[in-house]
N, C-alpha and C. Protein backbone atom coordinates (compact mmCIF):
# COMPACT_ATOMS: atom_id res chain seq x y z
N MET A 1 5.99 -2.69 11.12
CA MET A 1 5.23 -3.88 11.44
C MET A 1 4.39 -4.34 10.24
N PHE A 2 3.93 -3.39 9.45
CA PHE A 2 3.08 -3.70 8.29
C PHE A 2 3.74 -4.72 7.36
N TRP A 3 5.00 -4.49 7.02
CA TRP A 3 5.71 -5.37 6.09
C TRP A 3 5.89 -6.76 6.66
N TYR A 4 6.17 -6.85 7.95
CA TYR A 4 6.33 -8.15 8.60
C TYR A 4 5.01 -8.92 8.58
N LEU A 5 3.92 -8.21 8.79
CA LEU A 5 2.61 -8.87 8.77
C LEU A 5 2.26 -9.38 7.37
N LEU A 6 2.58 -8.59 6.34
CA LEU A 6 2.36 -9.07 4.97
C LEU A 6 3.18 -10.33 4.71
N ASN A 7 4.40 -10.33 5.20
CA ASN A 7 5.28 -11.48 5.02
C ASN A 7 4.75 -12.70 5.78
N ARG A 8 4.36 -12.51 7.03
CA ARG A 8 3.85 -13.62 7.84
C ARG A 8 2.54 -14.17 7.29
N ALA A 9 1.76 -13.31 6.65
CA ALA A 9 0.49 -13.75 6.07
C ALA A 9 0.69 -14.52 4.76
N GLY A 10 1.93 -14.54 4.28
CA GLY A 10 2.22 -15.26 3.04
C GLY A 10 2.03 -14.43 1.79
N LEU A 11 1.75 -13.14 1.93
CA LEU A 11 1.57 -12.28 0.77
C LEU A 11 2.91 -11.87 0.15
N LEU A 12 3.96 -11.91 0.94
CA LEU A 12 5.33 -11.68 0.48
C LEU A 12 6.15 -12.89 0.85
N GLN A 13 7.24 -13.11 0.15
CA GLN A 13 8.18 -14.17 0.51
C GLN A 13 9.57 -13.53 0.57
N GLU A 14 9.82 -12.78 1.62
CA GLU A 14 11.09 -12.07 1.79
C GLU A 14 11.69 -12.43 3.14
N THR A 15 12.99 -12.26 3.26
CA THR A 15 13.64 -12.51 4.53
C THR A 15 13.38 -11.33 5.48
N VAL A 16 13.35 -11.62 6.75
CA VAL A 16 13.15 -10.57 7.74
C VAL A 16 14.28 -9.55 7.66
N SER A 17 15.48 -10.01 7.41
CA SER A 17 16.62 -9.08 7.32
C SER A 17 16.44 -8.12 6.14
N ASP A 18 15.87 -8.58 5.03
CA ASP A 18 15.60 -7.68 3.90
C ASP A 18 14.52 -6.67 4.25
N LEU A 19 13.54 -7.08 5.03
CA LEU A 19 12.47 -6.16 5.42
C LEU A 19 12.97 -5.11 6.41
N LYS A 20 14.02 -5.41 7.15
CA LYS A 20 14.58 -4.46 8.10
C LYS A 20 15.51 -3.45 7.44
N ASP A 21 16.00 -3.75 6.26
CA ASP A 21 16.93 -2.89 5.54
C ASP A 21 16.13 -1.95 4.63
N ASP A 22 16.13 -0.66 4.93
CA ASP A 22 15.31 0.30 4.18
C ASP A 22 15.62 0.30 2.69
N ARG A 23 16.89 0.22 2.33
CA ARG A 23 17.25 0.22 0.90
C ARG A 23 16.72 -1.04 0.22
N ARG A 24 16.88 -2.16 0.87
CA ARG A 24 16.40 -3.43 0.30
C ARG A 24 14.88 -3.45 0.23
N LEU A 25 14.22 -2.93 1.26
CA LEU A 25 12.76 -2.87 1.27
C LEU A 25 12.25 -2.01 0.12
N LYS A 26 12.89 -0.87 -0.12
CA LYS A 26 12.49 -0.02 -1.25
C LYS A 26 12.68 -0.76 -2.57
N GLN A 27 13.77 -1.50 -2.68
CA GLN A 27 14.01 -2.29 -3.89
C GLN A 27 12.94 -3.37 -4.07
N ILE A 28 12.58 -4.03 -2.99
CA ILE A 28 11.51 -5.04 -3.04
C ILE A 28 10.22 -4.39 -3.51
N TYR A 29 9.90 -3.24 -2.92
CA TYR A 29 8.67 -2.54 -3.31
C TYR A 29 8.72 -2.12 -4.78
N ASP A 30 9.84 -1.51 -5.20
CA ASP A 30 9.96 -1.03 -6.58
C ASP A 30 9.96 -2.16 -7.60
N ASP A 31 10.63 -3.26 -7.29
CA ASP A 31 10.85 -4.32 -8.28
C ASP A 31 9.86 -5.48 -8.21
N LYS A 32 9.30 -5.74 -7.04
CA LYS A 32 8.51 -6.96 -6.89
C LYS A 32 7.06 -6.75 -6.48
N PHE A 33 6.77 -5.64 -5.81
CA PHE A 33 5.47 -5.49 -5.18
C PHE A 33 4.32 -5.66 -6.17
N VAL A 34 4.39 -4.98 -7.29
CA VAL A 34 3.34 -5.10 -8.30
C VAL A 34 3.60 -6.30 -9.21
N GLU A 35 4.80 -6.39 -9.74
CA GLU A 35 5.11 -7.42 -10.74
C GLU A 35 5.04 -8.85 -10.20
N ARG A 36 5.65 -9.10 -9.07
CA ARG A 36 5.71 -10.47 -8.55
C ARG A 36 4.54 -10.78 -7.63
N TYR A 37 4.25 -9.86 -6.71
CA TYR A 37 3.23 -10.13 -5.69
C TYR A 37 1.84 -9.67 -6.09
N ASP A 38 1.74 -8.90 -7.16
CA ASP A 38 0.45 -8.42 -7.66
C ASP A 38 -0.30 -7.62 -6.59
N LEU A 39 0.46 -6.79 -5.85
CA LEU A 39 -0.10 -5.93 -4.80
C LEU A 39 0.22 -4.48 -5.14
N ASN A 40 -0.54 -3.57 -4.57
CA ASN A 40 -0.26 -2.15 -4.76
C ASN A 40 -0.95 -1.35 -3.68
N PHE A 41 -0.52 -0.11 -3.52
CA PHE A 41 -1.11 0.83 -2.56
C PHE A 41 -1.72 2.00 -3.31
N LEU A 42 -2.73 2.58 -2.71
CA LEU A 42 -3.28 3.82 -3.22
C LEU A 42 -3.69 4.66 -2.02
N ASN A 43 -3.07 5.81 -1.86
CA ASN A 43 -3.40 6.70 -0.75
C ASN A 43 -4.60 7.56 -1.11
N LEU A 44 -5.51 7.71 -0.18
CA LEU A 44 -6.63 8.62 -0.41
C LEU A 44 -6.18 10.07 -0.23
N VAL A 45 -5.25 10.28 0.67
CA VAL A 45 -4.67 11.61 0.90
C VAL A 45 -3.16 11.44 0.80
N ASP A 46 -2.54 12.19 -0.10
CA ASP A 46 -1.12 12.02 -0.36
C ASP A 46 -0.25 12.93 0.50
N ARG A 47 -0.44 12.84 1.80
CA ARG A 47 0.46 13.53 2.73
C ARG A 47 0.42 12.78 4.05
N PRO A 48 1.55 12.72 4.72
CA PRO A 48 1.60 11.96 5.97
C PRO A 48 0.91 12.69 7.12
N THR A 49 0.26 11.93 7.97
CA THR A 49 -0.33 12.46 9.20
C THR A 49 -0.11 11.44 10.31
N VAL A 50 -0.07 11.91 11.52
CA VAL A 50 0.05 11.01 12.66
C VAL A 50 -1.32 10.46 13.02
N LYS A 51 -2.32 11.32 12.96
CA LYS A 51 -3.69 10.94 13.32
C LYS A 51 -4.65 11.34 12.20
N VAL A 52 -5.72 10.58 12.09
CA VAL A 52 -6.73 10.90 11.09
C VAL A 52 -7.38 12.26 11.36
N THR A 53 -7.35 12.69 12.62
CA THR A 53 -7.95 13.99 12.98
C THR A 53 -7.17 15.17 12.39
N GLU A 54 -5.96 14.92 11.88
CA GLU A 54 -5.18 15.98 11.25
C GLU A 54 -5.64 16.27 9.82
N LEU A 55 -6.50 15.42 9.28
CA LEU A 55 -7.02 15.64 7.93
C LEU A 55 -8.16 16.65 7.96
N ASN A 56 -8.26 17.43 6.91
CA ASN A 56 -9.36 18.37 6.78
C ASN A 56 -10.56 17.68 6.14
N LYS A 57 -11.74 18.11 6.50
CA LYS A 57 -12.96 17.53 5.95
C LYS A 57 -12.94 17.68 4.42
N GLY A 58 -13.19 16.60 3.74
CA GLY A 58 -13.24 16.62 2.29
C GLY A 58 -11.90 16.43 1.61
N GLU A 59 -10.84 16.38 2.38
CA GLU A 59 -9.50 16.26 1.80
C GLU A 59 -9.31 14.93 1.06
N GLU A 60 -10.11 13.95 1.38
CA GLU A 60 -9.98 12.63 0.78
C GLU A 60 -10.77 12.48 -0.51
N ARG A 61 -11.60 13.43 -0.86
CA ARG A 61 -12.52 13.28 -2.01
C ARG A 61 -11.81 12.95 -3.32
N GLN A 62 -10.74 13.65 -3.62
CA GLN A 62 -10.00 13.40 -4.85
C GLN A 62 -9.44 11.98 -4.85
N GLY A 63 -8.93 11.54 -3.70
CA GLY A 63 -8.40 10.18 -3.59
C GLY A 63 -9.47 9.12 -3.73
N VAL A 64 -10.65 9.38 -3.23
CA VAL A 64 -11.76 8.44 -3.36
C VAL A 64 -12.14 8.29 -4.84
N ARG A 65 -12.19 9.41 -5.55
CA ARG A 65 -12.49 9.34 -6.99
C ARG A 65 -11.41 8.53 -7.73
N ARG A 66 -10.14 8.76 -7.39
CA ARG A 66 -9.05 8.02 -8.01
C ARG A 66 -9.16 6.53 -7.68
N LEU A 67 -9.50 6.22 -6.43
CA LEU A 67 -9.66 4.83 -6.02
C LEU A 67 -10.78 4.15 -6.81
N LEU A 68 -11.91 4.81 -6.94
CA LEU A 68 -13.04 4.22 -7.68
C LEU A 68 -12.69 4.00 -9.15
N ARG A 69 -12.00 4.96 -9.76
CA ARG A 69 -11.56 4.79 -11.16
C ARG A 69 -10.62 3.59 -11.28
N THR A 70 -9.69 3.48 -10.34
CA THR A 70 -8.73 2.38 -10.36
C THR A 70 -9.43 1.04 -10.18
N MET A 71 -10.35 0.98 -9.25
CA MET A 71 -11.07 -0.28 -9.00
C MET A 71 -11.91 -0.67 -10.22
N ARG A 72 -12.53 0.29 -10.87
CA ARG A 72 -13.33 -0.01 -12.06
C ARG A 72 -12.46 -0.48 -13.23
N SER A 73 -11.31 0.11 -13.37
CA SER A 73 -10.47 -0.24 -14.52
C SER A 73 -9.67 -1.53 -14.29
N LEU A 74 -9.21 -1.78 -13.08
CA LEU A 74 -8.38 -2.96 -12.82
C LEU A 74 -9.16 -4.15 -12.27
N THR A 75 -10.34 -3.91 -11.76
CA THR A 75 -11.20 -4.93 -11.16
C THR A 75 -10.43 -5.93 -10.30
N PRO A 76 -9.84 -5.43 -9.21
CA PRO A 76 -9.07 -6.34 -8.34
C PRO A 76 -9.98 -7.37 -7.67
N LYS A 77 -9.40 -8.52 -7.32
CA LYS A 77 -10.14 -9.55 -6.62
C LYS A 77 -10.40 -9.15 -5.17
N VAL A 78 -9.46 -8.43 -4.58
CA VAL A 78 -9.55 -8.04 -3.17
C VAL A 78 -9.09 -6.59 -3.04
N VAL A 79 -9.79 -5.85 -2.19
CA VAL A 79 -9.38 -4.49 -1.84
C VAL A 79 -9.37 -4.42 -0.33
N CYS A 80 -8.29 -3.90 0.23
CA CYS A 80 -8.14 -3.79 1.68
C CYS A 80 -8.00 -2.32 2.04
N PHE A 81 -8.78 -1.85 2.98
CA PHE A 81 -8.71 -0.46 3.43
C PHE A 81 -8.05 -0.40 4.80
N ILE A 82 -7.00 0.39 4.89
CA ILE A 82 -6.29 0.56 6.16
C ILE A 82 -6.33 2.02 6.55
């Protein structure tokens, strides 16, 4: 749903069929996400979880430091936390 919402919001200009195709979506992300759309992701914790309660206390600290360094060096116009 995330990719469709980005597309509907006008942040991407891709066909719905391309967003449904995993290989094509990966190609869009690899080739266009930063270069064309000027967007990027940064995970605070680099492992998948179903719920935030699965994270250990303090596990995000390293990611927060990385995020702050990135924000200071790139000075983005907008930062979105999900």
